[in-house]
Structure formats: structure tokens, C-alpha cells
């Protein structure tokens, strides 16, 4: 079988890289990892070797190159249908795709004011009124998914799916910025943090030495 290769950025900062990486690792897919440090003089040239957009993540599978986090996850769901990367029930699968698309294109204030920074702690920073609206919407998503589809497991749709991978960077952000949550959302966040693949990513991020000053907005 042709080997999968995933090209990612810094684990401390690259929220988009975390999403497919977590899905692949948590579902037990074997893949080669190529990590390209971002925001260096060499980054553009290195990216050009793999990515048509010069951005990460990028999945390579044989002669096929797939870019964009959600597109990668969709490709993997089709390539490995027996793994059930999406919820198996039609209604749950439809909602999972909705919230993934919302995550993919939405929450701009949260992204700007609370950039992912796994190894740092900035409690209370970035809590603008616009960010609080994003946080409230995410909390509502988590509560509704857990209450309506979460039976049988501790993830949004019971078992781990692409939806959990898409929201994993938000979990990291909530830890970094000390976001307070209700009991349902806190329990879900703790479950995501406890995933072996998530722990592996966070540990690797803590050992990285690169600093991207544009992302260190509260230093």
C-alpha cells in the first residue's frame, strides 16, 4: 500500500496542521511526517516542494497531493471507510459536517485574539466582546452535540471523529487563555486533552524551540 505523508508546520503554533495529524494518529493510520518550521527564511522554498498554496498541511498519497485540513480529512474518510472518520448515522454525519465547515470558515475573532500557542499560558488575554461571542457559539456547539449525539462515548458524537479533530485546536486555545467553561464543555475538553494523540502533539510542541514573533502577541 502506498505510504501516506503529511507535511505540517510547527506543532506549537499550526492549528491547521493539528487537525489532520490528530485524526490520522488517533485512527491509527501510519504516515510519514515532514515538519516545516514556519516564518523562517527557508520556509517558502521548503513549502514549494510540497504545497501548491505554499501552506500547510499537505497530504501526499502516491501521486496525489491533497491540501487543506478539511479536504485531507474528507479524503481519508473516503479512503478508509471502515474507520468511520465521520459519524455513521446520517443525521449526526450531517451535523458533524456543518460544525466542521463552521469551524473551517468561522470564528475570526478567536483566531486573531487567541492564536494557538500550546506551550504558553496567557489567562484572561484576548477576551474581547467579539471573542466572547465566538466562545459562546463554540460552547453551544459542544453542548448540543454532546446532548444530541454524544451517547456511547465522551466525544462530540460519542466516538472520536473528524469533528473532534477540527475543534482540537480550540481546546488548546481554551487552555492557553484560561477560558472558563460549563461542566459539559469542560468534561469534553478534558476528554480531548486526554487523547493519546493529543498528548503526543502537545509534548512535541513543548520541546520545539522556534519562536514565531507574530504569534506571540502577548509576550
N, C-alpha and C. Protein backbone atom coordinates (compact mmCIF):
# COMPACT_ATOMS: atom_id res chain seq x y z
N UNK A 1 0.84 -1.20 0.00
CA UNK A 1 0.00 0.00 0.00
C UNK A 1 0.87 1.25 0.00
N UNK A 2 0.48 2.26 -0.75
CA UNK A 2 1.25 3.49 -0.84
C UNK A 2 1.26 4.21 0.50
N UNK A 3 2.42 4.67 0.89
CA UNK A 3 2.59 5.34 2.18
C UNK A 3 1.99 6.73 2.15
N UNK A 4 1.34 7.09 3.23
CA UNK A 4 0.85 8.45 3.43
C UNK A 4 1.96 9.32 3.98
N UNK A 5 2.03 10.56 3.52
CA UNK A 5 2.97 11.54 4.05
C UNK A 5 2.21 12.82 4.34
N UNK A 6 2.37 13.32 5.56
CA UNK A 6 1.69 14.55 5.96
C UNK A 6 2.74 15.62 6.24
N UNK A 7 2.61 16.75 5.56
CA UNK A 7 3.50 17.88 5.76
C UNK A 7 2.81 18.87 6.69
N UNK A 8 3.49 19.25 7.76
CA UNK A 8 2.89 20.12 8.77
C UNK A 8 3.84 21.25 9.12
N UNK A 9 3.35 22.20 9.90
CA UNK A 9 4.17 23.28 10.42
C UNK A 9 4.54 23.04 11.87
N UNK A 10 4.91 24.10 12.56
CA UNK A 10 5.28 24.00 13.97
C UNK A 10 4.11 23.44 14.78
N UNK A 11 4.37 22.48 15.63
CA UNK A 11 3.30 21.92 16.44
C UNK A 11 2.81 22.90 17.50
N UNK A 12 3.65 23.81 17.91
CA UNK A 12 3.22 24.79 18.90
C UNK A 12 2.21 25.77 18.34
N UNK A 13 2.32 26.10 17.07
CA UNK A 13 1.52 27.18 16.50
C UNK A 13 0.51 26.77 15.43
N UNK A 14 0.76 25.70 14.71
CA UNK A 14 0.00 25.41 13.50
C UNK A 14 -1.29 24.65 13.81
N UNK A 15 -2.35 25.40 14.04
CA UNK A 15 -3.64 24.78 14.35
C UNK A 15 -4.17 23.96 13.18
N UNK A 16 -3.95 24.44 11.96
CA UNK A 16 -4.44 23.71 10.80
C UNK A 16 -3.71 22.38 10.63
N UNK A 17 -2.44 22.35 10.98
CA UNK A 17 -1.69 21.09 10.90
C UNK A 17 -2.19 20.07 11.92
N UNK A 18 -2.55 20.57 13.10
CA UNK A 18 -3.00 19.66 14.17
C UNK A 18 -4.21 18.85 13.74
N UNK A 19 -5.10 19.44 12.99
CA UNK A 19 -6.38 18.78 12.70
C UNK A 19 -6.21 17.44 11.97
N UNK A 20 -5.61 17.40 10.78
CA UNK A 20 -5.46 16.10 10.11
C UNK A 20 -4.46 15.19 10.82
N UNK A 21 -3.42 15.78 11.42
CA UNK A 21 -2.44 14.97 12.15
C UNK A 21 -3.12 14.20 13.27
N UNK A 22 -3.96 14.89 14.03
CA UNK A 22 -4.65 14.24 15.14
C UNK A 22 -5.59 13.16 14.64
N UNK A 23 -6.32 13.46 13.58
CA UNK A 23 -7.23 12.45 13.03
C UNK A 23 -6.47 11.21 12.57
N UNK A 24 -5.38 11.41 11.88
CA UNK A 24 -4.62 10.27 11.37
C UNK A 24 -4.00 9.46 12.49
N UNK A 25 -3.43 10.13 13.46
CA UNK A 25 -2.79 9.42 14.57
C UNK A 25 -3.82 8.72 15.44
N UNK A 26 -4.92 9.39 15.74
CA UNK A 26 -5.93 8.81 16.62
C UNK A 26 -6.62 7.61 15.98
N UNK A 27 -6.74 7.62 14.65
CA UNK A 27 -7.35 6.49 13.96
C UNK A 27 -6.34 5.41 13.59
N UNK A 28 -5.10 5.60 13.99
CA UNK A 28 -4.10 4.56 13.81
C UNK A 28 -3.53 4.44 12.42
N UNK A 29 -3.63 5.49 11.62
CA UNK A 29 -3.05 5.45 10.28
C UNK A 29 -1.55 5.68 10.36
N UNK A 30 -0.81 4.88 9.64
CA UNK A 30 0.64 5.06 9.59
C UNK A 30 0.98 6.08 8.51
N UNK A 31 1.86 7.02 8.85
CA UNK A 31 2.24 8.04 7.87
C UNK A 31 3.60 8.61 8.21
N UNK A 32 4.26 9.07 7.16
CA UNK A 32 5.49 9.83 7.34
C UNK A 32 5.12 11.28 7.65
N UNK A 33 5.92 11.90 8.51
CA UNK A 33 5.69 13.28 8.89
C UNK A 33 6.86 14.16 8.42
N UNK A 34 6.53 15.22 7.73
CA UNK A 34 7.52 16.23 7.35
C UNK A 34 7.12 17.53 8.03
N UNK A 35 7.96 18.02 8.92
CA UNK A 35 7.66 19.26 9.64
C UNK A 35 8.50 20.40 9.07
N UNK A 36 7.82 21.44 8.65
CA UNK A 36 8.49 22.62 8.10
C UNK A 36 8.28 23.79 9.07
N UNK A 37 9.32 24.26 9.74
CA UNK A 37 9.16 25.43 10.62
C UNK A 37 8.66 26.63 9.83
N UNK A 38 7.69 27.30 10.38
CA UNK A 38 7.07 28.43 9.70
C UNK A 38 7.81 29.73 9.99
N UNK A 39 7.63 30.69 9.11
CA UNK A 39 8.14 32.05 9.29
C UNK A 39 9.66 32.08 9.44
N UNK A 40 10.34 31.33 8.58
CA UNK A 40 11.81 31.38 8.52
C UNK A 40 12.20 31.75 7.09
N UNK A 41 13.46 32.14 6.87
CA UNK A 41 13.90 32.46 5.51
C UNK A 41 13.78 31.29 4.54
N UNK A 42 13.78 30.07 5.08
CA UNK A 42 13.73 28.88 4.23
C UNK A 42 12.32 28.34 4.03
N UNK A 43 11.35 28.88 4.75
CA UNK A 43 10.01 28.29 4.74
C UNK A 43 9.40 28.23 3.35
N UNK A 44 9.44 29.35 2.61
CA UNK A 44 8.78 29.40 1.30
C UNK A 44 9.36 28.37 0.34
N UNK A 45 10.67 28.25 0.31
CA UNK A 45 11.30 27.31 -0.60
C UNK A 45 10.96 25.87 -0.21
N UNK A 46 10.93 25.60 1.08
CA UNK A 46 10.58 24.25 1.53
C UNK A 46 9.11 23.93 1.22
N UNK A 47 8.25 24.91 1.43
CA UNK A 47 6.83 24.71 1.15
C UNK A 47 6.59 24.43 -0.33
N UNK A 48 7.33 25.11 -1.18
CA UNK A 48 7.14 24.98 -2.62
C UNK A 48 7.36 23.55 -3.10
N UNK A 49 8.16 22.79 -2.38
CA UNK A 49 8.42 21.40 -2.76
C UNK A 49 7.17 20.53 -2.64
N UNK A 50 6.25 20.92 -1.73
CA UNK A 50 5.14 20.03 -1.40
C UNK A 50 3.76 20.64 -1.63
N UNK A 51 3.65 21.96 -1.44
CA UNK A 51 2.32 22.57 -1.37
C UNK A 51 2.06 23.52 -2.52
N UNK A 52 0.97 23.33 -3.27
CA UNK A 52 0.64 24.27 -4.35
C UNK A 52 0.26 25.65 -3.83
N UNK A 53 -0.15 25.72 -2.57
CA UNK A 53 -0.53 27.01 -1.97
C UNK A 53 0.59 27.58 -1.09
N UNK A 54 1.67 26.81 -0.94
CA UNK A 54 2.76 27.17 -0.04
C UNK A 54 2.27 27.33 1.39
N UNK A 55 1.33 26.49 1.74
CA UNK A 55 0.80 26.46 3.09
C UNK A 55 0.71 25.01 3.55
N UNK A 56 0.63 24.82 4.85
CA UNK A 56 0.43 23.50 5.43
C UNK A 56 -0.95 23.47 6.10
N UNK A 57 -1.49 22.25 6.25
CA UNK A 57 -0.92 20.94 5.98
C UNK A 57 -1.13 20.51 4.52
N UNK A 58 -0.37 19.50 4.14
CA UNK A 58 -0.49 18.87 2.83
C UNK A 58 -0.36 17.36 3.03
N UNK A 59 -1.25 16.61 2.41
CA UNK A 59 -1.17 15.15 2.43
C UNK A 59 -0.73 14.67 1.06
N UNK A 60 0.25 13.79 1.05
CA UNK A 60 0.68 13.16 -0.20
C UNK A 60 0.41 11.66 -0.09
N UNK A 61 -0.23 11.13 -1.12
CA UNK A 61 -0.58 9.71 -1.16
C UNK A 61 -0.32 9.22 -2.58
N UNK A 62 0.82 8.60 -2.77
CA UNK A 62 1.21 8.24 -4.12
C UNK A 62 1.45 9.49 -4.95
N UNK A 63 0.81 9.55 -6.11
CA UNK A 63 0.96 10.72 -6.99
C UNK A 63 -0.03 11.84 -6.64
N UNK A 64 -0.87 11.60 -5.66
CA UNK A 64 -1.91 12.57 -5.32
C UNK A 64 -1.45 13.50 -4.19
N UNK A 65 -1.70 14.78 -4.36
CA UNK A 65 -1.44 15.77 -3.32
C UNK A 65 -2.78 16.40 -2.92
N UNK A 66 -3.07 16.38 -1.63
CA UNK A 66 -4.30 16.95 -1.10
C UNK A 66 -3.92 18.03 -0.09
N UNK A 67 -4.42 19.23 -0.28
CA UNK A 67 -4.11 20.30 0.67
C UNK A 67 -5.41 20.78 1.32
N UNK A 68 -5.26 21.50 2.42
CA UNK A 68 -6.36 22.00 3.25
C UNK A 68 -6.79 20.92 4.25
N UNK A 69 -6.89 21.32 5.51
CA UNK A 69 -7.18 20.38 6.59
C UNK A 69 -8.45 19.58 6.37
N UNK A 70 -9.53 20.27 6.05
CA UNK A 70 -10.80 19.59 5.91
C UNK A 70 -10.82 18.70 4.69
N UNK A 71 -10.20 19.14 3.60
CA UNK A 71 -10.13 18.31 2.39
C UNK A 71 -9.33 17.04 2.67
N UNK A 72 -8.27 17.17 3.45
CA UNK A 72 -7.47 15.99 3.81
C UNK A 72 -8.32 15.00 4.60
N UNK A 73 -9.05 15.50 5.58
CA UNK A 73 -9.88 14.62 6.40
C UNK A 73 -10.96 13.95 5.57
N UNK A 74 -11.57 14.70 4.65
CA UNK A 74 -12.58 14.11 3.77
C UNK A 74 -11.98 13.02 2.90
N UNK A 75 -10.78 13.26 2.39
CA UNK A 75 -10.12 12.26 1.56
C UNK A 75 -9.87 10.98 2.36
N UNK A 76 -9.39 11.14 3.57
CA UNK A 76 -9.11 9.98 4.42
C UNK A 76 -10.38 9.21 4.75
N UNK A 77 -11.47 9.94 4.96
CA UNK A 77 -12.75 9.27 5.24
C UNK A 77 -13.19 8.41 4.06
N UNK A 78 -12.94 8.87 2.85
CA UNK A 78 -13.28 8.08 1.67
C UNK A 78 -12.30 6.93 1.45
N UNK A 79 -11.03 7.19 1.74
CA UNK A 79 -10.00 6.17 1.51
C UNK A 79 -10.08 5.03 2.53
N UNK A 80 -10.55 5.33 3.73
CA UNK A 80 -10.61 4.33 4.81
C UNK A 80 -12.00 4.31 5.41
N UNK A 81 -13.01 3.90 4.64
CA UNK A 81 -14.40 3.96 5.13
C UNK A 81 -14.65 3.08 6.35
N UNK A 82 -13.88 2.01 6.50
CA UNK A 82 -14.07 1.11 7.63
C UNK A 82 -13.69 1.74 8.96
N UNK A 83 -12.94 2.86 8.93
CA UNK A 83 -12.53 3.52 10.17
C UNK A 83 -13.60 4.46 10.71
N UNK A 84 -14.57 4.81 9.89
CA UNK A 84 -15.68 5.68 10.31
C UNK A 84 -15.17 7.00 10.88
N UNK A 85 -14.45 7.74 10.05
CA UNK A 85 -13.97 9.05 10.47
C UNK A 85 -15.12 10.03 10.68
N UNK A 86 -16.22 9.84 9.98
CA UNK A 86 -17.44 10.60 10.22
C UNK A 86 -18.41 9.74 11.02
N UNK A 87 -19.36 10.34 11.74
CA UNK A 87 -20.40 9.54 12.41
C UNK A 87 -21.14 8.65 11.42
N UNK A 88 -21.56 7.51 11.88
CA UNK A 88 -22.18 6.56 10.97
C UNK A 88 -23.63 6.90 10.64
N UNK A 89 -24.35 7.52 11.56
CA UNK A 89 -25.75 7.86 11.30
C UNK A 89 -25.84 9.13 10.47
N UNK A 90 -26.80 9.13 9.55
CA UNK A 90 -26.91 10.21 8.56
C UNK A 90 -27.10 11.58 9.20
N UNK A 91 -28.01 11.68 10.16
CA UNK A 91 -28.28 12.98 10.79
C UNK A 91 -27.06 13.50 11.53
N UNK A 92 -26.42 12.61 12.29
CA UNK A 92 -25.22 13.01 13.03
C UNK A 92 -24.10 13.42 12.07
N UNK A 93 -23.98 12.69 10.97
CA UNK A 93 -22.94 12.99 9.98
C UNK A 93 -23.19 14.37 9.35
N UNK A 94 -24.43 14.69 9.10
CA UNK A 94 -24.77 15.99 8.52
C UNK A 94 -24.40 17.12 9.48
N UNK A 95 -24.74 16.96 10.75
CA UNK A 95 -24.40 17.99 11.74
C UNK A 95 -22.89 18.08 11.92
N UNK A 96 -22.22 16.95 11.91
CA UNK A 96 -20.75 16.96 12.04
C UNK A 96 -20.12 17.75 10.91
N UNK A 97 -20.61 17.56 9.71
CA UNK A 97 -20.07 18.31 8.57
C UNK A 97 -20.39 19.81 8.71
N UNK A 98 -21.57 20.12 9.23
CA UNK A 98 -21.94 21.53 9.43
C UNK A 98 -20.98 22.22 10.40
N UNK A 99 -20.73 21.59 11.53
CA UNK A 99 -19.89 22.25 12.53
C UNK A 99 -18.43 22.29 12.11
N UNK A 100 -18.02 21.31 11.30
CA UNK A 100 -16.65 21.35 10.77
C UNK A 100 -16.50 22.50 9.77
N UNK A 101 -17.49 22.67 8.91
CA UNK A 101 -17.45 23.77 7.96
C UNK A 101 -17.48 25.11 8.69
N UNK A 102 -18.26 25.20 9.77
CA UNK A 102 -18.32 26.43 10.55
C UNK A 102 -16.97 26.72 11.21
N UNK A 103 -16.33 25.68 11.71
CA UNK A 103 -15.00 25.85 12.29
C UNK A 103 -14.00 26.28 11.24
N UNK A 104 -14.11 25.69 10.08
CA UNK A 104 -13.17 25.94 8.99
C UNK A 104 -13.21 27.39 8.52
N UNK A 105 -14.41 27.97 8.48
CA UNK A 105 -14.55 29.30 7.89
C UNK A 105 -14.88 30.41 8.90
N UNK A 106 -15.17 30.02 10.13
CA UNK A 106 -15.67 30.99 11.09
C UNK A 106 -14.71 31.32 12.22
N UNK A 107 -15.25 31.98 13.23
CA UNK A 107 -14.56 32.35 14.46
C UNK A 107 -13.30 33.18 14.22
N UNK A 108 -13.39 34.22 13.40
CA UNK A 108 -12.19 35.01 13.08
C UNK A 108 -11.63 35.77 14.28
N UNK A 109 -12.50 36.22 15.17
CA UNK A 109 -12.02 36.98 16.33
C UNK A 109 -11.23 36.10 17.28
N UNK A 110 -11.72 34.88 17.49
CA UNK A 110 -10.99 33.93 18.33
C UNK A 110 -9.62 33.63 17.75
N UNK A 111 -9.56 33.42 16.44
CA UNK A 111 -8.29 33.11 15.79
C UNK A 111 -7.30 34.27 15.94
N UNK A 112 -7.80 35.49 15.79
CA UNK A 112 -6.91 36.65 15.82
C UNK A 112 -6.44 36.98 17.23
N UNK A 113 -7.34 36.95 18.18
CA UNK A 113 -7.01 37.38 19.54
C UNK A 113 -6.47 36.26 20.41
N UNK A 114 -6.71 35.01 20.02
CA UNK A 114 -6.23 33.86 20.79
C UNK A 114 -5.54 32.87 19.86
N UNK A 115 -4.41 33.24 19.25
CA UNK A 115 -3.70 32.31 18.38
C UNK A 115 -3.23 31.08 19.14
N UNK A 116 -3.18 29.95 18.46
CA UNK A 116 -2.76 28.73 19.14
C UNK A 116 -1.30 28.84 19.56
N UNK A 117 -1.05 28.52 20.81
CA UNK A 117 0.29 28.58 21.38
C UNK A 117 0.31 27.56 22.51
N UNK A 118 0.58 26.31 22.15
CA UNK A 118 0.39 25.19 23.07
C UNK A 118 1.23 25.29 24.33
N UNK A 119 2.44 25.80 24.22
CA UNK A 119 3.35 25.74 25.36
C UNK A 119 3.26 26.96 26.28
N UNK A 120 2.40 27.93 25.94
CA UNK A 120 2.31 29.16 26.73
C UNK A 120 0.99 29.22 27.49
N UNK A 121 0.95 30.11 28.49
CA UNK A 121 -0.27 30.34 29.26
C UNK A 121 -0.48 31.85 29.40
N UNK A 122 -1.62 32.32 28.89
CA UNK A 122 -1.97 33.74 28.95
C UNK A 122 -3.39 33.88 29.48
N UNK A 123 -3.66 33.50 30.71
CA UNK A 123 -5.04 33.53 31.22
C UNK A 123 -5.65 34.92 31.16
N UNK A 124 -6.84 34.98 30.59
CA UNK A 124 -7.57 36.23 30.52
C UNK A 124 -7.26 37.10 29.33
N UNK A 125 -6.19 36.79 28.60
CA UNK A 125 -5.83 37.61 27.45
C UNK A 125 -6.78 37.34 26.27
N UNK A 126 -7.02 38.39 25.50
CA UNK A 126 -7.82 38.26 24.30
C UNK A 126 -9.32 38.21 24.49
N UNK A 127 -9.79 38.44 25.71
CA UNK A 127 -11.21 38.29 26.00
C UNK A 127 -12.01 39.53 25.60
N UNK A 128 -12.05 39.84 24.33
CA UNK A 128 -12.87 40.94 23.84
C UNK A 128 -14.33 40.48 23.73
N UNK A 129 -15.22 41.42 23.57
CA UNK A 129 -16.63 41.07 23.44
C UNK A 129 -16.87 40.21 22.20
N UNK A 130 -16.12 40.49 21.13
CA UNK A 130 -16.28 39.70 19.91
C UNK A 130 -15.78 38.26 20.10
N UNK A 131 -14.67 38.12 20.83
CA UNK A 131 -14.14 36.79 21.12
C UNK A 131 -15.11 36.01 22.00
N UNK A 132 -15.70 36.68 22.97
CA UNK A 132 -16.66 36.01 23.85
C UNK A 132 -17.86 35.48 23.07
N UNK A 133 -18.26 36.17 22.01
CA UNK A 133 -19.35 35.68 21.16
C UNK A 133 -18.92 34.38 20.45
N UNK A 134 -17.68 34.36 19.97
CA UNK A 134 -17.16 33.13 19.35
C UNK A 134 -17.13 31.99 20.35
N UNK A 135 -16.66 32.29 21.57
CA UNK A 135 -16.58 31.26 22.61
C UNK A 135 -17.97 30.74 22.95
N UNK A 136 -18.95 31.63 23.08
CA UNK A 136 -20.31 31.20 23.38
C UNK A 136 -20.86 30.29 22.29
N UNK A 137 -20.58 30.63 21.03
CA UNK A 137 -21.07 29.79 19.93
C UNK A 137 -20.44 28.41 20.00
N UNK A 138 -19.14 28.34 20.26
CA UNK A 138 -18.45 27.05 20.35
C UNK A 138 -19.01 26.24 21.52
N UNK A 139 -19.23 26.90 22.65
CA UNK A 139 -19.82 26.19 23.79
C UNK A 139 -21.18 25.61 23.43
N UNK A 140 -21.99 26.38 22.70
CA UNK A 140 -23.30 25.88 22.29
C UNK A 140 -23.17 24.67 21.38
N UNK A 141 -22.22 24.73 20.44
CA UNK A 141 -21.98 23.58 19.56
C UNK A 141 -21.62 22.35 20.36
N UNK A 142 -20.68 22.50 21.26
CA UNK A 142 -20.24 21.36 22.06
C UNK A 142 -21.38 20.78 22.89
N UNK A 143 -22.14 21.65 23.56
CA UNK A 143 -23.24 21.17 24.40
C UNK A 143 -24.29 20.43 23.58
N UNK A 144 -24.69 21.04 22.45
CA UNK A 144 -25.74 20.42 21.64
C UNK A 144 -25.29 19.08 21.06
N UNK A 145 -24.06 19.01 20.60
CA UNK A 145 -23.57 17.74 20.04
C UNK A 145 -23.47 16.67 21.12
N UNK A 146 -22.95 17.04 22.27
CA UNK A 146 -22.84 16.06 23.34
C UNK A 146 -24.23 15.58 23.77
N UNK A 147 -25.18 16.50 23.89
CA UNK A 147 -26.52 16.13 24.37
C UNK A 147 -27.31 15.36 23.32
N UNK A 148 -27.15 15.72 22.04
CA UNK A 148 -27.97 15.11 21.00
C UNK A 148 -27.33 13.88 20.35
N UNK A 149 -26.00 13.82 20.34
CA UNK A 149 -25.32 12.75 19.59
C UNK A 149 -24.21 12.05 20.37
N UNK A 150 -23.97 12.47 21.61
CA UNK A 150 -22.78 12.01 22.31
C UNK A 150 -22.90 10.72 23.09
N UNK A 151 -24.05 10.07 23.05
CA UNK A 151 -24.21 8.83 23.81
C UNK A 151 -23.23 7.77 23.32
N UNK A 152 -22.68 7.02 24.25
CA UNK A 152 -21.79 5.93 23.89
C UNK A 152 -20.33 6.29 23.88
N UNK A 153 -19.99 7.52 24.24
CA UNK A 153 -18.59 7.94 24.28
C UNK A 153 -18.47 9.34 24.85
N UNK A 154 -17.26 9.85 24.91
CA UNK A 154 -17.05 11.17 25.50
C UNK A 154 -16.66 12.24 24.49
N UNK A 155 -16.81 11.93 23.20
CA UNK A 155 -16.53 12.90 22.15
C UNK A 155 -17.84 13.55 21.69
N UNK A 156 -17.75 14.49 20.76
CA UNK A 156 -18.93 15.23 20.33
C UNK A 156 -20.02 14.32 19.78
N UNK A 157 -19.63 13.26 19.08
CA UNK A 157 -20.58 12.32 18.50
C UNK A 157 -20.37 10.92 19.09
N UNK A 158 -20.01 10.88 20.35
CA UNK A 158 -19.76 9.61 21.03
C UNK A 158 -18.33 9.19 20.83
N UNK A 159 -18.05 8.52 19.71
CA UNK A 159 -16.68 8.14 19.37
C UNK A 159 -15.95 9.30 18.69
N UNK A 160 -14.64 9.23 18.69
CA UNK A 160 -13.81 10.25 18.05
C UNK A 160 -14.10 10.30 16.55
N UNK A 161 -14.26 11.52 16.03
CA UNK A 161 -14.49 11.72 14.60
C UNK A 161 -13.70 12.93 14.12
N UNK A 162 -13.84 13.22 12.84
CA UNK A 162 -13.21 14.41 12.26
C UNK A 162 -13.63 15.67 13.01
N UNK A 163 -14.86 15.71 13.49
CA UNK A 163 -15.35 16.89 14.20
C UNK A 163 -14.49 17.20 15.42
N UNK A 164 -14.09 16.19 16.15
CA UNK A 164 -13.23 16.40 17.32
C UNK A 164 -11.85 16.89 16.90
N UNK A 165 -11.36 16.36 15.80
CA UNK A 165 -10.06 16.83 15.29
C UNK A 165 -10.13 18.29 14.88
N UNK A 166 -11.24 18.69 14.29
CA UNK A 166 -11.37 20.08 13.84
C UNK A 166 -11.45 21.06 15.00
N UNK A 167 -11.98 20.62 16.14
CA UNK A 167 -12.11 21.51 17.29
C UNK A 167 -10.98 21.35 18.30
N UNK A 168 -10.07 20.43 18.07
CA UNK A 168 -8.95 20.22 19.00
C UNK A 168 -8.10 21.48 19.21
N UNK A 169 -7.80 22.28 18.15
CA UNK A 169 -7.03 23.50 18.39
C UNK A 169 -7.75 24.49 19.30
N UNK A 170 -9.09 24.48 19.27
CA UNK A 170 -9.85 25.34 20.17
C UNK A 170 -9.65 24.89 21.61
N UNK A 171 -9.62 23.58 21.83
CA UNK A 171 -9.34 23.06 23.16
C UNK A 171 -7.99 23.58 23.66
N UNK A 172 -6.99 23.53 22.78
CA UNK A 172 -5.67 24.04 23.16
C UNK A 172 -5.74 25.52 23.48
N UNK A 173 -6.45 26.28 22.68
CA UNK A 173 -6.60 27.71 22.93
C UNK A 173 -7.27 27.98 24.28
N UNK A 174 -8.32 27.24 24.58
CA UNK A 174 -9.02 27.46 25.84
C UNK A 174 -8.12 27.20 27.04
N UNK A 175 -7.21 26.25 26.92
CA UNK A 175 -6.24 26.00 27.98
C UNK A 175 -5.26 27.17 28.08
N UNK A 176 -4.72 27.58 26.94
CA UNK A 176 -3.72 28.65 26.92
C UNK A 176 -4.26 29.94 27.53
N UNK A 177 -5.52 30.27 27.22
CA UNK A 177 -6.06 31.57 27.62
C UNK A 177 -7.01 31.48 28.82
N UNK A 178 -7.06 30.31 29.45
CA UNK A 178 -7.81 30.15 30.68
C UNK A 178 -9.30 30.41 30.54
N UNK A 179 -9.88 29.92 29.46
CA UNK A 179 -11.31 30.12 29.23
C UNK A 179 -12.12 29.22 30.16
N UNK A 180 -13.06 29.82 30.89
CA UNK A 180 -13.90 29.06 31.81
C UNK A 180 -15.10 28.48 31.06
N UNK A 181 -15.42 27.23 31.35
CA UNK A 181 -16.48 26.52 30.65
C UNK A 181 -17.47 25.91 31.62
N UNK A 182 -18.66 25.58 31.12
CA UNK A 182 -19.61 24.86 31.97
C UNK A 182 -19.17 23.40 32.09
N UNK A 183 -19.90 22.64 32.89
CA UNK A 183 -19.48 21.28 33.20
C UNK A 183 -19.42 20.39 31.98
N UNK A 184 -20.41 20.51 31.08
CA UNK A 184 -20.44 19.66 29.89
C UNK A 184 -19.25 19.95 29.00
N UNK A 185 -18.98 21.22 28.75
CA UNK A 185 -17.89 21.60 27.86
C UNK A 185 -16.54 21.31 28.49
N UNK A 186 -16.42 21.52 29.79
CA UNK A 186 -15.16 21.23 30.48
C UNK A 186 -14.84 19.73 30.42
N UNK A 187 -15.85 18.91 30.62
CA UNK A 187 -15.65 17.46 30.55
C UNK A 187 -15.22 17.04 29.15
N UNK A 188 -15.85 17.64 28.14
CA UNK A 188 -15.46 17.33 26.76
C UNK A 188 -14.03 17.77 26.50
N UNK A 189 -13.67 18.97 26.92
CA UNK A 189 -12.32 19.47 26.70
C UNK A 189 -11.29 18.56 27.36
N UNK A 190 -11.58 18.11 28.56
CA UNK A 190 -10.67 17.20 29.26
C UNK A 190 -10.52 15.88 28.53
N UNK A 191 -11.61 15.42 27.90
CA UNK A 191 -11.55 14.17 27.15
C UNK A 191 -10.66 14.31 25.92
N UNK A 192 -10.75 15.45 25.24
CA UNK A 192 -9.89 15.69 24.07
C UNK A 192 -8.43 15.77 24.51
N UNK A 193 -8.18 16.49 25.59
CA UNK A 193 -6.80 16.61 26.09
C UNK A 193 -6.21 15.26 26.46
N UNK A 194 -7.05 14.34 26.91
CA UNK A 194 -6.57 13.03 27.35
C UNK A 194 -6.30 12.06 26.21
N UNK A 195 -6.71 12.41 24.99
CA UNK A 195 -6.45 11.52 23.86
C UNK A 195 -4.94 11.29 23.72
N UNK A 196 -4.51 10.05 23.54
CA UNK A 196 -3.07 9.78 23.40
C UNK A 196 -2.42 10.60 22.30
N UNK A 197 -3.10 10.75 21.17
CA UNK A 197 -2.53 11.52 20.06
C UNK A 197 -2.41 13.00 20.43
N UNK A 198 -3.38 13.53 21.15
CA UNK A 198 -3.31 14.93 21.58
C UNK A 198 -2.17 15.12 22.55
N UNK A 199 -1.98 14.20 23.46
CA UNK A 199 -0.87 14.28 24.39
C UNK A 199 0.47 14.22 23.67
N UNK A 200 0.54 13.40 22.64
CA UNK A 200 1.77 13.29 21.86
C UNK A 200 2.09 14.61 21.17
N UNK A 201 1.07 15.23 20.58
CA UNK A 201 1.27 16.52 19.90
C UNK A 201 1.73 17.59 20.88
N UNK A 202 1.05 17.69 22.01
CA UNK A 202 1.38 18.73 22.99
C UNK A 202 2.79 18.54 23.56
N UNK A 203 3.17 17.30 23.77
CA UNK A 203 4.52 17.04 24.26
C UNK A 203 5.56 17.50 23.24
N UNK A 204 5.32 17.15 21.98
CA UNK A 204 6.26 17.58 20.92
C UNK A 204 6.30 19.09 20.82
N UNK A 205 5.15 19.74 20.96
CA UNK A 205 5.11 21.21 20.90
C UNK A 205 5.93 21.83 22.01
N UNK A 206 5.91 21.22 23.18
CA UNK A 206 6.63 21.78 24.33
C UNK A 206 8.14 21.72 24.14
N UNK A 207 8.61 20.83 23.27
CA UNK A 207 10.05 20.69 23.03
C UNK A 207 10.54 21.53 21.86
N UNK A 208 9.64 22.11 21.10
CA UNK A 208 10.07 22.95 19.98
C UNK A 208 10.74 24.22 20.50
N UNK A 209 11.72 24.66 19.77
CA UNK A 209 12.47 25.85 20.20
C UNK A 209 12.19 27.08 19.35
N UNK A 210 11.54 26.89 18.18
CA UNK A 210 11.28 28.03 17.31
C UNK A 210 10.27 29.00 17.95
N UNK A 211 10.47 30.27 17.70
CA UNK A 211 9.54 31.30 18.16
C UNK A 211 9.07 32.10 16.95
N UNK A 212 7.77 32.16 16.76
CA UNK A 212 7.18 32.98 15.71
C UNK A 212 6.64 34.23 16.38
N UNK A 213 7.34 35.31 16.21
CA UNK A 213 7.01 36.53 16.96
C UNK A 213 5.63 37.06 16.61
N UNK A 214 5.19 36.86 15.39
CA UNK A 214 3.86 37.33 15.00
C UNK A 214 2.75 36.62 15.77
N UNK A 215 3.04 35.41 16.25
CA UNK A 215 2.06 34.65 17.01
C UNK A 215 2.17 34.92 18.50
N UNK A 216 3.27 35.48 18.93
CA UNK A 216 3.49 35.74 20.37
C UNK A 216 3.00 37.14 20.71
N UNK A 217 1.72 37.36 20.55
CA UNK A 217 1.17 38.71 20.67
C UNK A 217 1.05 39.17 22.12
N UNK A 218 1.23 38.28 23.08
CA UNK A 218 1.09 38.68 24.48
C UNK A 218 2.40 38.58 25.25
N UNK A 219 3.52 38.40 24.55
CA UNK A 219 4.83 38.34 25.21
C UNK A 219 5.31 39.75 25.55
